[in-house]
All heavy atoms as atom14 arrays in JSON, in Angstrom:
{
  "sequence": "SFGLMALIGVGLLQAIDTNARASGIVDQH",
  "atom14_mask": [
    [1, 1, 1, 1, 1, 1, 0, 0, 0, 0, 0, 0, 0, 0],
    [1, 1, 1, 1, 1, 1, 1, 1, 1, 1, 1, 0, 0, 0],
    [1, 1, 1, 1, 0, 0, 0, 0, 0, 0, 0, 0, 0, 0],
    [1, 1, 1, 1, 1, 1, 1, 1, 0, 0, 0, 0, 0, 0],
    [1, 1, 1, 1, 1, 1, 1, 1, 0, 0, 0, 0, 0, 0],
    [1, 1, 1, 1, 1, 0, 0, 0, 0, 0, 0, 0, 0, 0],
    [1, 1, 1, 1, 1, 1, 1, 1, 0, 0, 0, 0, 0, 0],
    [1, 1, 1, 1, 1, 1, 1, 1, 0, 0, 0, 0, 0, 0],
    [1, 1, 1, 1, 0, 0, 0, 0, 0, 0, 0, 0, 0, 0],
    [1, 1, 1, 1, 1, 1, 1, 0, 0, 0, 0, 0, 0, 0],
    [1, 1, 1, 1, 0, 0, 0, 0, 0, 0, 0, 0, 0, 0],
    [1, 1, 1, 1, 1, 1, 1, 1, 0, 0, 0, 0, 0, 0],
    [1, 1, 1, 1, 1, 1, 1, 1, 0, 0, 0, 0, 0, 0],
    [1, 1, 1, 1, 1, 1, 1, 1, 1, 0, 0, 0, 0, 0],
    [1, 1, 1, 1, 1, 0, 0, 0, 0, 0, 0, 0, 0, 0],
    [1, 1, 1, 1, 1, 1, 1, 1, 0, 0, 0, 0, 0, 0],
    [1, 1, 1, 1, 1, 1, 1, 1, 0, 0, 0, 0, 0, 0],
    [1, 1, 1, 1, 1, 1, 1, 0, 0, 0, 0, 0, 0, 0],
    [1, 1, 1, 1, 1, 1, 1, 1, 0, 0, 0, 0, 0, 0],
    [1, 1, 1, 1, 1, 0, 0, 0, 0, 0, 0, 0, 0, 0],
    [1, 1, 1, 1, 1, 1, 1, 1, 1, 1, 1, 0, 0, 0],
    [1, 1, 1, 1, 1, 0, 0, 0, 0, 0, 0, 0, 0, 0],
    [1, 1, 1, 1, 1, 1, 0, 0, 0, 0, 0, 0, 0, 0],
    [1, 1, 1, 1, 0, 0, 0, 0, 0, 0, 0, 0, 0, 0],
    [1, 1, 1, 1, 1, 1, 1, 1, 0, 0, 0, 0, 0, 0],
    [1, 1, 1, 1, 1, 1, 1, 0, 0, 0, 0, 0, 0, 0],
    [1, 1, 1, 1, 1, 1, 1, 1, 0, 0, 0, 0, 0, 0],
    [1, 1, 1, 1, 1, 1, 1, 1, 1, 0, 0, 0, 0, 0],
    [1, 1, 1, 1, 1, 1, 1, 1, 1, 1, 0, 0, 0, 0]
  ],
  "atom14_positions": [
    [[1.6, -19.34, -10.43], [0.69, -18.18, -10.8], [0.13, -17.73, -9.46], [-0.11, -16.49, -9.42], [-0.3, -18.6, -11.74], [-1.24, -19.76, -11.23], [0.0, 0.0, 0.0], [0.0, 0.0, 0.0], [0.0, 0.0, 0.0], [0.0, 0.0, 0.0], [0.0, 0.0, 0.0], [0.0, 0.0, 0.0], [0.0, 0.0, 0.0], [0.0, 0.0, 0.0]],
    [[-0.28, -18.53, -8.52], [-0.77, -18.02, -7.36], [0.13, -17.25, -6.52], [-0.19, -16.27, -5.86], [-1.4, -19.15, -6.45], [-2.74, -19.66, -6.84], [-3.03, -21.03, -6.78], [-3.75, -18.66, -7.29], [-4.47, -21.29, -7.21], [-4.96, -19.08, -7.5], [-5.28, -20.55, -7.51], [0.0, 0.0, 0.0], [0.0, 0.0, 0.0], [0.0, 0.0, 0.0]],
    [[1.4, -17.76, -6.51], [2.49, -17.15, -5.84], [2.71, -15.64, -6.41], [2.96, -14.72, -5.78], [0.0, 0.0, 0.0], [0.0, 0.0, 0.0], [0.0, 0.0, 0.0], [0.0, 0.0, 0.0], [0.0, 0.0, 0.0], [0.0, 0.0, 0.0], [0.0, 0.0, 0.0], [0.0, 0.0, 0.0], [0.0, 0.0, 0.0], [0.0, 0.0, 0.0]],
    [[2.87, -15.59, -7.65], [3.01, -14.33, -8.35], [1.85, -13.38, -8.13], [2.09, -12.19, -7.85], [3.11, -14.65, -10.02], [3.44, -13.3, -10.79], [4.82, -12.74, -10.32], [3.49, -13.78, -12.25], [0.0, 0.0, 0.0], [0.0, 0.0, 0.0], [0.0, 0.0, 0.0], [0.0, 0.0, 0.0], [0.0, 0.0, 0.0], [0.0, 0.0, 0.0]],
    [[0.64, -13.83, -8.14], [-0.55, -12.87, -7.89], [-0.5, -12.53, -6.38], [-0.72, -11.37, -6.09], [-1.89, -13.61, -8.1], [-2.08, -13.83, -9.59], [-3.76, -14.39, -10.09], [-4.33, -15.51, -8.86], [0.0, 0.0, 0.0], [0.0, 0.0, 0.0], [0.0, 0.0, 0.0], [0.0, 0.0, 0.0], [0.0, 0.0, 0.0], [0.0, 0.0, 0.0]],
    [[-0.11, -13.42, -5.49], [0.13, -13.08, -4.16], [1.2, -11.76, -4.03], [0.93, -10.94, -3.2], [0.48, -14.18, -3.27], [0.0, 0.0, 0.0], [0.0, 0.0, 0.0], [0.0, 0.0, 0.0], [0.0, 0.0, 0.0], [0.0, 0.0, 0.0], [0.0, 0.0, 0.0], [0.0, 0.0, 0.0], [0.0, 0.0, 0.0], [0.0, 0.0, 0.0]],
    [[2.29, -11.99, -4.53], [3.39, -10.88, -4.49], [2.79, -9.64, -5.04], [2.97, -8.57, -4.53], [4.55, -11.38, -5.3], [5.45, -12.44, -4.66], [6.62, -12.82, -5.52], [6.08, -11.8, -3.33], [0.0, 0.0, 0.0], [0.0, 0.0, 0.0], [0.0, 0.0, 0.0], [0.0, 0.0, 0.0], [0.0, 0.0, 0.0], [0.0, 0.0, 0.0]],
    [[2.06, -9.6, -6.13], [1.67, -8.39, -6.64], [0.46, -7.86, -5.66], [0.45, -6.57, -5.59], [0.9, -8.7, -8.03], [1.97, -9.05, -9.17], [0.15, -7.4, -8.45], [1.45, -9.44, -10.43], [0.0, 0.0, 0.0], [0.0, 0.0, 0.0], [0.0, 0.0, 0.0], [0.0, 0.0, 0.0], [0.0, 0.0, 0.0], [0.0, 0.0, 0.0]],
    [[-0.26, -8.67, -5.22], [-1.32, -8.24, -4.21], [-0.74, -7.67, -2.93], [-1.11, -6.49, -2.49], [0.0, 0.0, 0.0], [0.0, 0.0, 0.0], [0.0, 0.0, 0.0], [0.0, 0.0, 0.0], [0.0, 0.0, 0.0], [0.0, 0.0, 0.0], [0.0, 0.0, 0.0], [0.0, 0.0, 0.0], [0.0, 0.0, 0.0], [0.0, 0.0, 0.0]],
    [[0.34, -8.21, -2.46], [1.11, -7.7, -1.22], [1.69, -6.22, -1.62], [1.53, -5.34, -0.85], [2.09, -8.65, -0.67], [3.01, -7.95, 0.3], [1.53, -9.87, -0.13], [0.0, 0.0, 0.0], [0.0, 0.0, 0.0], [0.0, 0.0, 0.0], [0.0, 0.0, 0.0], [0.0, 0.0, 0.0], [0.0, 0.0, 0.0], [0.0, 0.0, 0.0]],
    [[2.25, -6.19, -2.77], [2.83, -4.81, -3.14], [1.75, -3.8, -3.29], [1.9, -2.73, -2.85], [0.0, 0.0, 0.0], [0.0, 0.0, 0.0], [0.0, 0.0, 0.0], [0.0, 0.0, 0.0], [0.0, 0.0, 0.0], [0.0, 0.0, 0.0], [0.0, 0.0, 0.0], [0.0, 0.0, 0.0], [0.0, 0.0, 0.0], [0.0, 0.0, 0.0]],
    [[0.66, -4.12, -3.81], [-0.34, -3.22, -4.05], [-1.05, -2.78, -2.68], [-1.21, -1.65, -2.51], [-1.59, -3.89, -4.78], [-2.8, -2.93, -5.23], [-2.24, -1.79, -6.0], [-3.78, -3.73, -5.9], [0.0, 0.0, 0.0], [0.0, 0.0, 0.0], [0.0, 0.0, 0.0], [0.0, 0.0, 0.0], [0.0, 0.0, 0.0], [0.0, 0.0, 0.0]],
    [[-1.16, -3.67, -1.73], [-1.65, -3.36, -0.38], [-0.67, -2.42, 0.32], [-1.15, -1.6, 1.06], [-1.9, -4.62, 0.33], [-3.13, -5.4, -0.04], [-3.38, -6.77, 0.78], [-4.46, -4.49, 0.15], [0.0, 0.0, 0.0], [0.0, 0.0, 0.0], [0.0, 0.0, 0.0], [0.0, 0.0, 0.0], [0.0, 0.0, 0.0], [0.0, 0.0, 0.0]],
    [[0.69, -2.66, 0.11], [1.61, -1.84, 0.83], [1.62, -0.4, 0.19], [1.76, 0.61, 0.9], [3.0, -2.43, 0.7], [3.19, -3.67, 1.59], [4.63, -4.29, 1.41], [5.33, -3.99, 0.49], [5.03, -5.07, 2.43], [0.0, 0.0, 0.0], [0.0, 0.0, 0.0], [0.0, 0.0, 0.0], [0.0, 0.0, 0.0], [0.0, 0.0, 0.0]],
    [[1.34, -0.4, -1.04], [1.4, 0.87, -1.75], [0.07, 1.78, -1.13], [0.2, 2.83, -0.85], [1.36, 0.84, -3.24], [0.0, 0.0, 0.0], [0.0, 0.0, 0.0], [0.0, 0.0, 0.0], [0.0, 0.0, 0.0], [0.0, 0.0, 0.0], [0.0, 0.0, 0.0], [0.0, 0.0, 0.0], [0.0, 0.0, 0.0], [0.0, 0.0, 0.0]],
    [[-1.02, 1.03, -1.03], [-2.21, 1.68, -0.46], [-2.04, 2.1, 0.89], [-2.5, 3.25, 1.33], [-3.48, 0.81, -0.63], [-3.75, 0.57, -2.22], [-4.64, 1.28, 0.01], [-4.82, -0.43, -2.49], [0.0, 0.0, 0.0], [0.0, 0.0, 0.0], [0.0, 0.0, 0.0], [0.0, 0.0, 0.0], [0.0, 0.0, 0.0], [0.0, 0.0, 0.0]],
    [[-1.44, 1.34, 1.71], [-1.17, 1.69, 3.1], [-0.2, 2.92, 3.31], [-0.43, 3.79, 4.0], [-0.56, 0.43, 3.83], [-0.36, 0.71, 5.33], [-1.34, 1.17, 6.0], [0.97, 0.66, 5.73], [0.0, 0.0, 0.0], [0.0, 0.0, 0.0], [0.0, 0.0, 0.0], [0.0, 0.0, 0.0], [0.0, 0.0, 0.0], [0.0, 0.0, 0.0]],
    [[0.82, 2.92, 2.32], [1.72, 3.93, 2.45], [1.11, 5.31, 1.96], [1.28, 6.28, 2.62], [3.0, 3.69, 1.46], [3.58, 2.53, 1.98], [3.97, 4.74, 1.6], [0.0, 0.0, 0.0], [0.0, 0.0, 0.0], [0.0, 0.0, 0.0], [0.0, 0.0, 0.0], [0.0, 0.0, 0.0], [0.0, 0.0, 0.0], [0.0, 0.0, 0.0]],
    [[0.29, 5.24, 1.09], [-0.43, 6.41, 0.64], [-1.4, 6.88, 1.68], [-1.4, 8.19, 1.78], [-1.21, 6.08, -0.72], [-1.87, 7.25, -1.28], [-1.5, 8.25, -1.04], [-2.85, 6.91, -2.14], [0.0, 0.0, 0.0], [0.0, 0.0, 0.0], [0.0, 0.0, 0.0], [0.0, 0.0, 0.0], [0.0, 0.0, 0.0], [0.0, 0.0, 0.0]],
    [[-2.11, 6.12, 2.35], [-3.02, 6.41, 3.39], [-2.3, 7.04, 4.5], [-2.76, 8.08, 5.1], [-3.88, 5.27, 3.92], [0.0, 0.0, 0.0], [0.0, 0.0, 0.0], [0.0, 0.0, 0.0], [0.0, 0.0, 0.0], [0.0, 0.0, 0.0], [0.0, 0.0, 0.0], [0.0, 0.0, 0.0], [0.0, 0.0, 0.0], [0.0, 0.0, 0.0]],
    [[-1.06, 6.42, 4.88], [-0.39, 7.21, 6.08], [0.23, 8.49, 5.59], [0.11, 9.42, 6.41], [0.79, 6.17, 6.35], [0.42, 4.89, 7.12], [1.61, 4.05, 7.4], [1.2, 2.78, 7.87], [1.45, 2.3, 9.01], [2.13, 3.01, 9.79], [1.02, 1.07, 9.34], [0.0, 0.0, 0.0], [0.0, 0.0, 0.0], [0.0, 0.0, 0.0]],
    [[0.73, 8.67, 4.46], [1.27, 9.89, 4.0], [0.15, 11.0, 3.83], [0.36, 12.16, 4.33], [1.86, 9.67, 2.59], [0.0, 0.0, 0.0], [0.0, 0.0, 0.0], [0.0, 0.0, 0.0], [0.0, 0.0, 0.0], [0.0, 0.0, 0.0], [0.0, 0.0, 0.0], [0.0, 0.0, 0.0], [0.0, 0.0, 0.0], [0.0, 0.0, 0.0]],
    [[-1.13, 10.64, 3.46], [-2.13, 11.54, 3.34], [-2.59, 11.93, 4.83], [-2.87, 13.11, 5.11], [-3.37, 10.87, 2.69], [-4.44, 11.7, 2.76], [0.0, 0.0, 0.0], [0.0, 0.0, 0.0], [0.0, 0.0, 0.0], [0.0, 0.0, 0.0], [0.0, 0.0, 0.0], [0.0, 0.0, 0.0], [0.0, 0.0, 0.0], [0.0, 0.0, 0.0]],
    [[-2.51, 11.01, 5.78], [-2.81, 11.43, 7.22], [-1.88, 12.46, 7.76], [-2.16, 13.3, 8.43], [0.0, 0.0, 0.0], [0.0, 0.0, 0.0], [0.0, 0.0, 0.0], [0.0, 0.0, 0.0], [0.0, 0.0, 0.0], [0.0, 0.0, 0.0], [0.0, 0.0, 0.0], [0.0, 0.0, 0.0], [0.0, 0.0, 0.0], [0.0, 0.0, 0.0]],
    [[-0.35, 12.13, 7.45], [0.51, 13.03, 7.87], [0.41, 14.47, 7.32], [0.53, 15.43, 7.94], [1.93, 12.49, 7.69], [2.09, 11.21, 8.49], [3.13, 13.49, 7.9], [3.47, 10.41, 8.35], [0.0, 0.0, 0.0], [0.0, 0.0, 0.0], [0.0, 0.0, 0.0], [0.0, 0.0, 0.0], [0.0, 0.0, 0.0], [0.0, 0.0, 0.0]],
    [[0.07, 14.47, 6.01], [-0.1, 15.81, 5.34], [-1.29, 16.6, 6.01], [-1.23, 17.71, 6.32], [-0.33, 15.62, 3.83], [-0.81, 16.82, 3.17], [0.94, 15.15, 3.19], [0.0, 0.0, 0.0], [0.0, 0.0, 0.0], [0.0, 0.0, 0.0], [0.0, 0.0, 0.0], [0.0, 0.0, 0.0], [0.0, 0.0, 0.0], [0.0, 0.0, 0.0]],
    [[-2.37, 15.79, 6.29], [-3.62, 16.47, 6.88], [-3.18, 16.96, 8.26], [-3.65, 18.11, 8.71], [-4.74, 15.4, 7.03], [-5.44, 15.11, 5.68], [-5.16, 15.96, 4.84], [-6.08, 14.19, 5.58], [0.0, 0.0, 0.0], [0.0, 0.0, 0.0], [0.0, 0.0, 0.0], [0.0, 0.0, 0.0], [0.0, 0.0, 0.0], [0.0, 0.0, 0.0]],
    [[-2.47, 16.21, 9.09], [-2.01, 16.6, 10.34], [-1.14, 17.88, 10.29], [-1.34, 18.83, 11.08], [-1.26, 15.51, 10.95], [-0.74, 15.79, 12.34], [0.25, 14.68, 12.74], [1.06, 14.13, 12.03], [0.0, 14.16, 14.04], [0.0, 0.0, 0.0], [0.0, 0.0, 0.0], [0.0, 0.0, 0.0], [0.0, 0.0, 0.0], [0.0, 0.0, 0.0]],
    [[-0.31, 17.94, 9.33], [0.71, 19.1, 9.25], [-0.1, 20.36, 8.69], [0.11, 21.48, 9.24], [1.76, 18.81, 8.31], [2.99, 18.16, 8.91], [3.95, 18.72, 9.73], [3.11, 16.8, 9.02], [4.56, 17.78, 10.15], [4.16, 16.53, 9.84], [0.0, 0.0, 0.0], [0.0, 0.0, 0.0], [0.0, 0.0, 0.0], [0.0, 0.0, 0.0]]
  ]
}
């Protein structure tokens, strides 16, 4: 259960990071 929660947490953090980077690129353009 801890391993499954860790995988979900890593996926969520990657999604948030990707969204923040995309938002920065859009602002730049």
